[in-house]
Amino acid sequence: MRVAVSGCLGRMGSLIAERVHGSGDLKLAAGFELPGHESIGRDLGTETGLGEIDVKVSPSGDMETVLPGLDVLIDFTAPPATESAVRSCVTTRTKMVIGTTGLSEEQENLVEAASREVAVVRSRNFARGVNVFWRLVGEAASRLDYDAEIVEAHHRHKRDAPSGTALRAAEEIRDVRGGDGELVHGRRGMVGERGDDEIGVHAVRAGDVAGDHTVLLAGDGERLEIKHQAHGREPFVAGALDAARFLADKEKGLYGMDDVLGL
């Protein structure tokens, strides 16, 4: 498969580009950065320390020129960039793997509409363990009618809060409880007693934390904690490459990591 990477010199994008190049079964065919980036026109391998690989860094505004003939675009960028990339992929009939967090409802709807034209894997978290974590949270919440609180921690550079992973965990709890559950983002002052249907969602931003998520289910006399910790970005990259491979024989449709992992 011929793979393009959006945000190819960012923290996630550069690592994805490196792993695609070294995979053996995927070919790094293009990389995109925002127009005006100092590396536009330079060799992507040289810019990422891979050595020269004869793949130039292209401006994202040139996607519709560069993408034709390629198989899939992997996008872990920011909502405005992802929105533009989705439109370009529909025009060029390029499959997509989307890991961008913080998309608005309108942007999520755009992704869904695009999936009726091209195949898309969309997930808030591509780590295998996180996807099992979500399943465990739903199973536990369906059997324990306990107070639910979610705490997530990420590095200081993360722009959106709470994380998409935390929100998905809250959705899992809501779904098994009939859609009930008011999300409460932090508490301060005389807020009164905790409501029975509250789901607390709390965000921590500090240092270089790759991603920690804890779901606490607390009842009278006991509590259960379900926790996932990412030690680095490798699990997300591995999942993104698995998602790209999964799309090889897909023409269109919206898929998640549940589909990729056979959950």
Foldseek 3Di string as FASTA:
>chain_A
DEEEEEPCLDPQNVVLLVCQVVVVPHHDAEYEDAPPPPQAQHASCVSSVNPHDPYGYHYLVCLLVRVAPGAEYEYADEQVSVLSVLVSCLVRLHEYEYQHWDHDPVSVVSNQVSLVRFAYAYDPFLFPVLVVLLVVLLVVLLVALFAKEKEKEAEQPDDDPPGPSQVSSVVSNCVSVVNFEDEDEDDDDCPDDDDSRYYYYYYHYHHHQHMKMWMWGDDPPDIDIRIDGDPHCVSRSVSSVLVSVVRPPPGGDYHYVCVSVVD
